[in-house]
PDB file of N, CA and C in Angstrom:
ATOM      1  N   MET A   1       0.843  -1.173   0.000  1.00  0.00           N
ATOM      2  CA  MET A   1       0.000   0.000   0.000  1.00  0.00           C
ATOM      3  C   MET A   1       0.891   1.238   0.000  1.00  0.00           C
ATOM      4  N   TYR A   2       0.555   2.158  -0.858  1.00  0.00           N
ATOM      5  CA  TYR A   2       1.317   3.393  -0.965  1.00  0.00           C
ATOM      6  C   TYR A   2       0.598   4.509  -0.238  1.00  0.00           C
ATOM      7  N   LEU A   3       1.366   5.320   0.416  1.00  0.00           N
ATOM      8  CA  LEU A   3       0.824   6.472   1.127  1.00  0.00           C
ATOM      9  C   LEU A   3       1.118   7.715   0.303  1.00  0.00           C
ATOM     10  N   LYS A   4       0.077   8.377  -0.077  1.00  0.00           N
ATOM     11  CA  LYS A   4       0.237   9.580  -0.884  1.00  0.00           C
ATOM     12  C   LYS A   4       0.429  10.770   0.053  1.00  0.00           C
ATOM     13  N   ILE A   5       1.513  11.484  -0.137  1.00  0.00           N
ATOM     14  CA  ILE A   5       1.790  12.645   0.697  1.00  0.00           C
ATOM     15  C   ILE A   5       1.434  13.888  -0.105  1.00  0.00           C
ATOM     16  N   VAL A   6       0.588  14.678   0.459  1.00  0.00           N
ATOM     17  CA  VAL A   6       0.160  15.907  -0.176  1.00  0.00           C
ATOM     18  C   VAL A   6       0.674  17.067   0.656  1.00  0.00           C
ATOM     19  N   THR A   7       1.327  17.987  -0.010  1.00  0.00           N
ATOM     20  CA  THR A   7       1.803  19.164   0.711  1.00  0.00           C
ATOM     21  C   THR A   7       1.011  20.370   0.237  1.00  0.00           C
ATOM     22  N   PHE A   8       0.722  21.208   1.154  1.00  0.00           N
ATOM     23  CA  PHE A   8      -0.008  22.432   0.865  1.00  0.00           C
ATOM     24  C   PHE A   8       0.886  23.612   1.191  1.00  0.00           C
ATOM     25  N   ALA A   9       0.939  24.521   0.282  1.00  0.00           N
ATOM     26  CA  ALA A   9       1.696  25.740   0.551  1.00  0.00           C
ATOM     27  C   ALA A   9       0.902  26.566   1.554  1.00  0.00           C
ATOM     28  N   ALA A  10       1.562  26.999   2.565  1.00  0.00           N
ATOM     29  CA  ALA A  10       0.885  27.800   3.579  1.00  0.00           C
ATOM     30  C   ALA A  10       0.553  29.165   2.985  1.00  0.00           C
ATOM     31  N   MET A  11      -0.718  29.485   3.002  1.00  0.00           N
ATOM     32  CA  MET A  11      -1.143  30.791   2.497  1.00  0.00           C
ATOM     33  C   MET A  11      -1.542  31.649   3.681  1.00  0.00           C
ATOM     34  N   ASN A  12      -1.003  32.839   3.708  1.00  0.00           N
ATOM     35  CA  ASN A  12      -1.411  33.741   4.769  1.00  0.00           C
ATOM     36  C   ASN A  12      -2.655  34.515   4.328  1.00  0.00           C
ATOM     37  N   LYS A  13      -3.158  35.343   5.200  1.00  0.00           N
ATOM     38  CA  LYS A  13      -4.386  36.091   4.908  1.00  0.00           C
ATOM     39  C   LYS A  13      -4.223  36.991   3.698  1.00  0.00           C
ATOM     40  N   LYS A  14      -3.063  37.621   3.569  1.00  0.00           N
ATOM     41  CA  LYS A  14      -2.831  38.523   2.442  1.00  0.00           C
ATOM     42  C   LYS A  14      -2.912  37.761   1.125  1.00  0.00           C
ATOM     43  N   ASP A  15      -2.268  36.592   1.068  1.00  0.00           N
ATOM     44  CA  ASP A  15      -2.297  35.790  -0.153  1.00  0.00           C
ATOM     45  C   ASP A  15      -3.723  35.384  -0.520  1.00  0.00           C
ATOM     46  N   LYS A  16      -4.486  34.989   0.470  1.00  0.00           N
ATOM     47  CA  LYS A  16      -5.875  34.593   0.233  1.00  0.00           C
ATOM     48  C   LYS A  16      -6.702  35.777  -0.257  1.00  0.00           C
ATOM     49  N   LEU A  17      -6.465  36.938   0.332  1.00  0.00           N
ATOM     50  CA  LEU A  17      -7.198  38.135  -0.060  1.00  0.00           C
ATOM     51  C   LEU A  17      -6.843  38.540  -1.490  1.00  0.00           C
ATOM     52  N   VAL A  18      -5.565  38.473  -1.837  1.00  0.00           N
ATOM     53  CA  VAL A  18      -5.129  38.810  -3.199  1.00  0.00           C
ATOM     54  C   VAL A  18      -5.731  37.827  -4.193  1.00  0.00           C
ATOM     55  N   ARG A  19      -5.722  36.553  -3.850  1.00  0.00           N
ATOM     56  CA  ARG A  19      -6.309  35.544  -4.735  1.00  0.00           C
ATOM     57  C   ARG A  19      -7.796  35.823  -4.949  1.00  0.00           C
ATOM     58  N   ARG A  20      -8.503  36.140  -3.878  1.00  0.00           N
ATOM     59  CA  ARG A  20      -9.931  36.462  -3.987  1.00  0.00           C
ATOM     60  C   ARG A  20     -10.133  37.726  -4.827  1.00  0.00           C
ATOM     61  N   PHE A  21      -9.315  38.742  -4.589  1.00  0.00           N
ATOM     62  CA  PHE A  21      -9.430  40.000  -5.317  1.00  0.00           C
ATOM     63  C   PHE A  21      -9.204  39.806  -6.818  1.00  0.00           C
ATOM     64  N   ARG A  22      -8.231  38.990  -7.169  1.00  0.00           N
ATOM     65  CA  ARG A  22      -7.914  38.774  -8.588  1.00  0.00           C
ATOM     66  C   ARG A  22      -9.066  38.131  -9.353  1.00  0.00           C
ATOM     67  N   THR A  23      -9.966  37.447  -8.647  1.00  0.00           N
ATOM     68  CA  THR A  23     -11.127  36.867  -9.319  1.00  0.00           C
ATOM     69  C   THR A  23     -12.209  37.907  -9.572  1.00  0.00           C
ATOM     70  N   GLN A  24     -12.008  39.118  -9.052  1.00  0.00           N
ATOM     71  CA  GLN A  24     -12.943  40.237  -9.219  1.00  0.00           C
ATOM     72  C   GLN A  24     -14.366  39.857  -8.788  1.00  0.00           C
ATOM     73  N   PRO A  25     -14.528  39.426  -7.519  1.00  0.00           N
ATOM     74  CA  PRO A  25     -15.857  39.016  -7.064  1.00  0.00           C
ATOM     75  C   PRO A  25     -16.823  40.195  -6.983  1.00  0.00           C
ATOM     76  N   LYS A  26     -18.085  39.893  -7.080  1.00  0.00           N
ATOM     77  CA  LYS A  26     -19.128  40.929  -7.049  1.00  0.00           C
ATOM     78  C   LYS A  26     -19.445  41.400  -5.629  1.00  0.00           C
ATOM     79  N   ASP A  27     -18.904  40.707  -4.609  1.00  0.00           N
ATOM     80  CA  ASP A  27     -19.222  41.050  -3.223  1.00  0.00           C
ATOM     81  C   ASP A  27     -18.000  41.491  -2.423  1.00  0.00           C
ATOM     82  N   PHE A  28     -16.993  42.047  -3.085  1.00  0.00           N
ATOM     83  CA  PHE A  28     -15.782  42.521  -2.406  1.00  0.00           C
ATOM     84  C   PHE A  28     -16.124  43.804  -1.658  1.00  0.00           C
ATOM     85  N   THR A  29     -15.778  43.874  -0.383  1.00  0.00           N
ATOM     86  CA  THR A  29     -16.184  44.999   0.457  1.00  0.00           C
ATOM     87  C   THR A  29     -15.074  46.044   0.600  1.00  0.00           C
ATOM     88  N   PHE A  30     -15.469  47.199   1.085  1.00  0.00           N
ATOM     89  CA  PHE A  30     -14.509  48.277   1.329  1.00  0.00           C
ATOM     90  C   PHE A  30     -13.484  47.848   2.380  1.00  0.00           C
ATOM     91  N   GLU A  31     -13.896  47.096   3.380  1.00  0.00           N
ATOM     92  CA  GLU A  31     -12.963  46.614   4.407  1.00  0.00           C
ATOM     93  C   GLU A  31     -11.906  45.707   3.785  1.00  0.00           C
ATOM     94  N   GLU A  32     -12.314  44.897   2.818  1.00  0.00           N
ATOM     95  CA  GLU A  32     -11.357  44.023   2.138  1.00  0.00           C
ATOM     96  C   GLU A  32     -10.384  44.839   1.281  1.00  0.00           C
ATOM     97  N   VAL A  33     -10.874  45.882   0.627  1.00  0.00           N
ATOM     98  CA  VAL A  33      -9.989  46.765  -0.144  1.00  0.00           C
ATOM     99  C   VAL A  33      -8.987  47.430   0.788  1.00  0.00           C
ATOM    100  N   THR A  34      -9.458  47.885   1.943  1.00  0.00           N
ATOM    101  CA  THR A  34      -8.572  48.504   2.927  1.00  0.00           C
ATOM    102  C   THR A  34      -7.500  47.515   3.369  1.00  0.00           C
ATOM    103  N   ALA A  35      -7.889  46.285   3.672  1.00  0.00           N
ATOM    104  CA  ALA A  35      -6.928  45.257   4.087  1.00  0.00           C
ATOM    105  C   ALA A  35      -5.948  44.938   2.960  1.00  0.00           C
ATOM    106  N   LEU A  36      -6.436  44.930   1.734  1.00  0.00           N
ATOM    107  CA  LEU A  36      -5.579  44.668   0.576  1.00  0.00           C
ATOM    108  C   LEU A  36      -4.496  45.734   0.471  1.00  0.00           C
ATOM    109  N   PHE A  37      -4.896  47.001   0.507  1.00  0.00           N
ATOM    110  CA  PHE A  37      -3.919  48.096   0.431  1.00  0.00           C
ATOM    111  C   PHE A  37      -2.977  48.079   1.636  1.00  0.00           C
ATOM    112  N   GLN A  38      -3.503  47.825   2.818  1.00  0.00           N
ATOM    113  CA  GLN A  38      -2.653  47.789   4.007  1.00  0.00           C
ATOM    114  C   GLN A  38      -1.625  46.664   3.911  1.00  0.00           C
ATOM    115  N   GLY A  39      -1.982  45.584   3.252  1.00  0.00           N
ATOM    116  CA  GLY A  39      -1.046  44.486   3.046  1.00  0.00           C
ATOM    117  C   GLY A  39       0.161  44.881   2.208  1.00  0.00           C
ATOM    118  N   TYR A  40       0.013  45.921   1.409  1.00  0.00           N
ATOM    119  CA  TYR A  40       1.114  46.430   0.597  1.00  0.00           C
ATOM    120  C   TYR A  40       1.741  47.681   1.197  1.00  0.00           C
ATOM    121  N   GLY A  41       1.455  47.973   2.456  1.00  0.00           N
ATOM    122  CA  GLY A  41       2.104  49.077   3.158  1.00  0.00           C
ATOM    123  C   GLY A  41       1.406  50.418   3.064  1.00  0.00           C
ATOM    124  N   PHE A  42       0.170  50.442   2.569  1.00  0.00           N
ATOM    125  CA  PHE A  42      -0.578  51.692   2.467  1.00  0.00           C
ATOM    126  C   PHE A  42      -1.305  51.986   3.778  1.00  0.00           C
ATOM    127  N   THR A  43      -1.520  53.250   4.037  1.00  0.00           N
ATOM    128  CA  THR A  43      -2.362  53.660   5.160  1.00  0.00           C
ATOM    129  C   THR A  43      -3.573  54.385   4.595  1.00  0.00           C
ATOM    130  N   LEU A  44      -4.669  54.314   5.302  1.00  0.00           N
ATOM    131  CA  LEU A  44      -5.918  54.956   4.886  1.00  0.00           C
ATOM    132  C   LEU A  44      -5.956  56.356   5.470  1.00  0.00           C
ATOM    133  N   GLU A  45      -6.186  57.332   4.616  1.00  0.00           N
ATOM    134  CA  GLU A  45      -6.268  58.723   5.059  1.00  0.00           C
ATOM    135  C   GLU A  45      -7.556  59.345   4.552  1.00  0.00           C
ATOM    136  N   ASN A  46      -8.179  60.138   5.392  1.00  0.00           N
ATOM    137  CA  ASN A  46      -9.332  60.914   4.963  1.00  0.00           C
ATOM    138  C   ASN A  46      -8.787  62.157   4.282  1.00  0.00           C
ATOM    139  N   LYS A  47      -9.383  62.568   3.190  1.00  0.00           N
ATOM    140  CA  LYS A  47      -8.881  63.711   2.436  1.00  0.00           C
ATOM    141  C   LYS A  47      -9.188  65.053   3.093  1.00  0.00           C
ATOM    142  N   GLY A  48      -9.897  65.065   4.199  1.00  0.00           N
ATOM    143  CA  GLY A  48     -10.192  66.319   4.880  1.00  0.00           C
ATOM    144  C   GLY A  48     -11.665  66.447   5.194  1.00  0.00           C
ATOM    145  N   ALA A  49     -12.012  67.462   5.925  1.00  0.00           N
ATOM    146  CA  ALA A  49     -13.390  67.647   6.394  1.00  0.00           C
ATOM    147  C   ALA A  49     -14.370  67.864   5.244  1.00  0.00           C
ATOM    148  N   THR A  50     -13.908  68.436   4.160  1.00  0.00           N
ATOM    149  CA  THR A  50     -14.809  68.729   3.057  1.00  0.00           C
ATOM    150  C   THR A  50     -14.702  67.717   1.918  1.00  0.00           C
ATOM    151  N   SER A  51     -14.043  66.607   2.158  1.00  0.00           N
ATOM    152  CA  SER A  51     -13.802  65.652   1.075  1.00  0.00           C
ATOM    153  C   SER A  51     -14.988  64.728   0.812  1.00  0.00           C
ATOM    154  N   GLY A  52     -15.971  64.733   1.687  1.00  0.00           N
ATOM    155  CA  GLY A  52     -17.099  63.824   1.500  1.00  0.00           C
ATOM    156  C   GLY A  52     -16.662  62.392   1.691  1.00  0.00           C
ATOM    157  N   SER A  53     -16.945  61.555   0.709  1.00  0.00           N
ATOM    158  CA  SER A  53     -16.597  60.135   0.841  1.00  0.00           C
ATOM    159  C   SER A  53     -15.237  59.812   0.218  1.00  0.00           C
ATOM    160  N   ARG A  54     -14.498  60.829  -0.210  1.00  0.00           N
ATOM    161  CA  ARG A  54     -13.188  60.591  -0.822  1.00  0.00           C
ATOM    162  C   ARG A  54     -12.156  60.206   0.226  1.00  0.00           C
ATOM    163  N   ILE A  55     -11.402  59.164  -0.067  1.00  0.00           N
ATOM    164  CA  ILE A  55     -10.326  58.728   0.824  1.00  0.00           C
ATOM    165  C   ILE A  55      -9.074  58.486  -0.019  1.00  0.00           C
ATOM    166  N   ARG A  56      -7.948  58.368   0.670  1.00  0.00           N
ATOM    167  CA  ARG A  56      -6.686  58.126  -0.017  1.00  0.00           C
ATOM    168  C   ARG A  56      -5.936  57.019   0.699  1.00  0.00           C
ATOM    169  N   PHE A  57      -5.425  56.085  -0.078  1.00  0.00           N
ATOM    170  CA  PHE A  57      -4.494  55.090   0.426  1.00  0.00           C
ATOM    171  C   PHE A  57      -3.109  55.596   0.064  1.00  0.00           C
ATOM    172  N   TYR A  58      -2.242  55.741   1.065  1.00  0.00           N
ATOM    173  CA  TYR A  58      -0.919  56.324   0.844  1.00  0.00           C
ATOM    174  C   TYR A  58       0.168  55.374   1.334  1.00  0.00           C
ATOM    175  N   ASN A  59       1.166  55.155   0.482  1.00  0.00           N
ATOM    176  CA  ASN A  59       2.306  54.325   0.840  1.00  0.00           C
ATOM    177  C   ASN A  59       3.504  55.244   1.019  1.00  0.00           C
ATOM    178  N   GLU A  60       3.888  55.453   2.250  1.00  0.00           N
ATOM    179  CA  GLU A  60       4.971  56.385   2.550  1.00  0.00           C
ATOM    180  C   GLU A  60       6.304  55.903   2.004  1.00  0.00           C
ATOM    181  N   THR A  61       6.531  54.602   2.002  1.00  0.00           N
ATOM    182  CA  THR A  61       7.785  54.055   1.509  1.00  0.00           C
ATOM    183  C   THR A  61       7.978  54.345   0.029  1.00  0.00           C
ATOM    184  N   ASP A  62       6.926  54.099  -0.775  1.00  0.00           N
ATOM    185  CA  ASP A  62       7.002  54.292  -2.223  1.00  0.00           C
ATOM    186  C   ASP A  62       6.563  55.681  -2.672  1.00  0.00           C
ATOM    187  N   GLN A  63       6.007  56.466  -1.757  1.00  0.00           N
ATOM    188  CA  GLN A  63       5.480  57.792  -2.081  1.00  0.00           C
ATOM    189  C   GLN A  63       4.378  57.719  -3.143  1.00  0.00           C
ATOM    190  N   LYS A  64       3.572  56.666  -3.076  1.00  0.00           N
ATOM    191  CA  LYS A  64       2.481  56.492  -4.036  1.00  0.00           C
ATOM    192  C   LYS A  64       1.154  56.546  -3.295  1.00  0.00           C
ATOM    193  N   SER A  65       0.117  56.978  -4.016  1.00  0.00           N
ATOM    194  CA  SER A  65      -1.202  57.030  -3.395  1.00  0.00           C
ATOM    195  C   SER A  65      -2.273  56.635  -4.395  1.00  0.00           C
ATOM    196  N   TYR A  66      -3.390  56.214  -3.846  1.00  0.00           N
ATOM    197  CA  TYR A  66      -4.555  55.855  -4.653  1.00  0.00           C
ATOM    198  C   TYR A  66      -5.762  56.526  -4.003  1.00  0.00           C
ATOM    199  N   ILE A  67      -6.486  57.319  -4.781  1.00  0.00           N
ATOM    200  CA  ILE A  67      -7.645  58.043  -4.267  1.00  0.00           C
ATOM    201  C   ILE A  67      -8.908  57.401  -4.825  1.00  0.00           C
ATOM    202  N   MET A  68      -9.886  57.216  -3.955  1.00  0.00           N
ATOM    203  CA  MET A  68     -11.162  56.652  -4.371  1.00  0.00           C
ATOM    204  C   MET A  68     -12.272  57.170  -3.461  1.00  0.00           C
ATOM    205  N   HIS A  69     -13.488  56.879  -3.820  1.00  0.00           N
ATOM    206  CA  HIS A  69     -14.637  57.212  -2.989  1.00  0.00           C
ATOM    207  C   HIS A  69     -15.081  55.970  -2.240  1.00  0.00           C
ATOM    208  N   LYS A  70     -15.436  56.151  -0.976  1.00  0.00           N
ATOM    209  CA  LYS A  70     -16.018  55.045  -0.225  1.00  0.00           C
ATOM    210  C   LYS A  70     -17.357  54.703  -0.866  1.00  0.00           C
ATOM    211  N   PRO A  71     -17.647  53.423  -0.991  1.00  0.00           N
ATOM    212  CA  PRO A  71     -18.948  53.070  -1.562  1.00  0.00           C
ATOM    213  C   PRO A  71     -20.066  53.385  -0.573  1.00  0.00           C
ATOM    214  N   HIS A  72     -21.192  53.839  -1.094  1.00  0.00           N
ATOM    215  CA  HIS A  72     -22.346  54.094  -0.241  1.00  0.00           C
ATOM    216  C   HIS A  72     -23.597  54.062  -1.091  1.00  0.00           C
ATOM    217  N   PRO A  73     -24.712  53.701  -0.626  1.00  0.00           N
ATOM    218  CA  PRO A  73     -25.018  53.318   0.753  1.00  0.00           C
ATOM    219  C   PRO A  73     -24.539  51.906   1.088  1.00  0.00           C
ATOM    220  N   SER A  74     -24.267  51.095   0.062  1.00  0.00           N
ATOM    221  CA  SER A  74     -23.772  49.738   0.294  1.00  0.00           C
ATOM    222  C   SER A  74     -22.269  49.782   0.554  1.00  0.00           C
ATOM    223  N   ASN A  75     -21.725  48.724   1.107  1.00  0.00           N
ATOM    224  CA  ASN A  75     -20.305  48.629   1.409  1.00  0.00           C
ATOM    225  C   ASN A  75     -19.556  47.858   0.312  1.00  0.00           C
ATOM    226  N   ILE A  76     -20.264  47.447  -0.732  1.00  0.00           N
ATOM    227  CA  ILE A  76     -19.705  46.633  -1.798  1.00  0.00           C
ATOM    228  C   ILE A  76     -19.043  47.534  -2.849  1.00  0.00           C
ATOM    229  N   ILE A  77     -17.858  47.129  -3.292  1.00  0.00           N
ATOM    230  CA  ILE A  77     -17.110  47.887  -4.296  1.00  0.00           C
ATOM    231  C   ILE A  77     -17.681  47.576  -5.685  1.00  0.00           C
ATOM    232  N   LYS A  78     -17.911  48.610  -6.459  1.00  0.00           N
ATOM    233  CA  LYS A  78     -18.447  48.462  -7.816  1.00  0.00           C
ATOM    234  C   LYS A  78     -17.408  47.804  -8.738  1.00  0.00           C
ATOM    235  N   GLY A  79     -17.893  47.163  -9.792  1.00  0.00           N
ATOM    236  CA  GLY A  79     -17.027  46.453 -10.728  1.00  0.00           C
ATOM    237  C   GLY A  79     -15.981  47.333 -11.379  1.00  0.00           C
ATOM    238  N   TYR A  80     -16.368  48.546 -11.802  1.00  0.00           N
ATOM    239  CA  TYR A  80     -15.392  49.430 -12.459  1.00  0.00           C
ATOM    240  C   TYR A  80     -14.296  49.856 -11.486  1.00  0.00           C
ATOM    241  N   MET A  81     -14.633  49.993 -10.205  1.00  0.00           N
ATOM    242  CA  MET A  81     -13.607  50.344  -9.213  1.00  0.00           C
ATOM    243  C   MET A  81     -12.677  49.163  -8.969  1.00  0.00           C
ATOM    244  N   MET A  82     -13.232  47.960  -8.960  1.00  0.00           N
ATOM    245  CA  MET A  82     -12.411  46.753  -8.780  1.00  0.00           C
ATOM    246  C   MET A  82     -11.380  46.669  -9.916  1.00  0.00           C
ATOM    247  N   ARG A  83     -11.821  46.895 -11.143  1.00  0.00           N
ATOM    248  CA  ARG A  83     -10.906  46.849 -12.289  1.00  0.00           C
ATOM    249  C   ARG A  83      -9.854  47.954 -12.187  1.00  0.00           C
ATOM    250  N   ASP A  84     -10.267  49.134 -11.755  1.00  0.00           N
ATOM    251  CA  ASP A  84      -9.335  50.253 -11.619  1.00  0.00           C
ATOM    252  C   ASP A  84      -8.274  49.966 -10.548  1.00  0.00           C
ATOM    253  N   ILE A  85      -8.700  49.413  -9.422  1.00  0.00           N
ATOM    254  CA  ILE A  85      -7.760  49.070  -8.343  1.00  0.00           C
ATOM    255  C   ILE A  85      -6.792  47.992  -8.820  1.00  0.00           C
ATOM    256  N   LEU A  86      -7.313  46.968  -9.498  1.00  0.00           N
ATOM    257  CA  LEU A  86      -6.453  45.899 -10.011  1.00  0.00           C
ATOM    258  C   LEU A  86      -5.423  46.466 -10.987  1.00  0.00           C
ATOM    259  N   ASN A  87      -5.858  47.326 -11.895  1.00  0.00           N
ATOM    260  CA  ASN A  87      -4.927  47.938 -12.849  1.00  0.00           C
ATOM    261  C   ASN A  87      -3.864  48.763 -12.136  1.00  0.00           C
ATOM    262  N   TYR A  88      -4.261  49.511 -11.112  1.00  0.00           N
ATOM    263  CA  TYR A  88      -3.307  50.318 -10.340  1.00  0.00           C
ATOM    264  C   TYR A  88      -2.265  49.416  -9.670  1.00  0.00           C
ATOM    265  N   LEU A  89      -2.721  48.357  -9.009  1.00  0.00           N
ATOM    266  CA  LEU A  89      -1.792  47.470  -8.303  1.00  0.00           C
ATOM    267  C   LEU A  89      -0.869  46.730  -9.268  1.00  0.00           C
ATOM    268  N   LEU A  90      -1.396  46.354 -10.439  1.00  0.00           N
ATOM    269  CA  LEU A  90      -0.552  45.699 -11.447  1.00  0.00           C
ATOM    270  C   LEU A  90       0.462  46.681 -12.030  1.00  0.00           C
ATOM    271  N   LYS A  91       0.002  47.865 -12.392  1.00  0.00           N
ATOM    272  CA  LYS A  91       0.861  48.872 -13.012  1.00  0.00           C
ATOM    273  C   LYS A  91       2.002  49.285 -12.088  1.00  0.00           C
ATOM    274  N   ASN A  92       1.749  49.327 -10.798  1.00  0.00           N
ATOM    275  CA  ASN A  92       2.765  49.747  -9.831  1.00  0.00           C
ATOM    276  C   ASN A  92       3.501  48.571  -9.201  1.00  0.00           C
ATOM    277  N   ASN A  93       3.344  47.387  -9.780  1.00  0.00           N
ATOM    278  CA  ASN A  93       4.085  46.183  -9.383  1.00  0.00           C
ATOM    279  C   ASN A  93       3.845  45.718  -7.953  1.00  0.00           C
ATOM    280  N   TYR A  94       2.639  45.951  -7.437  1.00  0.00           N
ATOM    281  CA  TYR A  94       2.287  45.403  -6.135  1.00  0.00           C
ATOM    282  C   TYR A  94       1.788  43.966  -6.295  1.00  0.00           C
ATOM    283  N   ILE A  95       1.086  43.732  -7.403  1.00  0.00           N
ATOM    284  CA  ILE A  95       0.618  42.391  -7.740  1.00  0.00           C
ATOM    285  C   ILE A  95       1.286  41.990  -9.045  1.00  0.00           C
ATOM    286  N   GLU A  96       1.728  40.757  -9.103  1.00  0.00           N
ATOM    287  CA  GLU A  96       2.369  40.266 -10.338  1.00  0.00           C
ATOM    288  C   GLU A  96       1.358  39.634 -11.245  1.00  0.00           C
TER     289      GLU A  96
END
């Protein structure tokens, strides 16, 4: 009798989140986008008292930022924003 050994690569939360994000799901939330950006060293900043729902993800190390609007009234990110975020992360070499 042969014993089949299966090894699994350990995936951390960031890897799982990136994998989920790359599939461009219809139910990706703002909290998940925040966690995704934070995984790449970004911090969430409010653009100021008069900015409304506009926020900025800023990476101090790379001096790069991404500005977007918080989704409302729902917390789900729209498809065009998902594509825009993916393009930004690919273009700036955060995701391969």
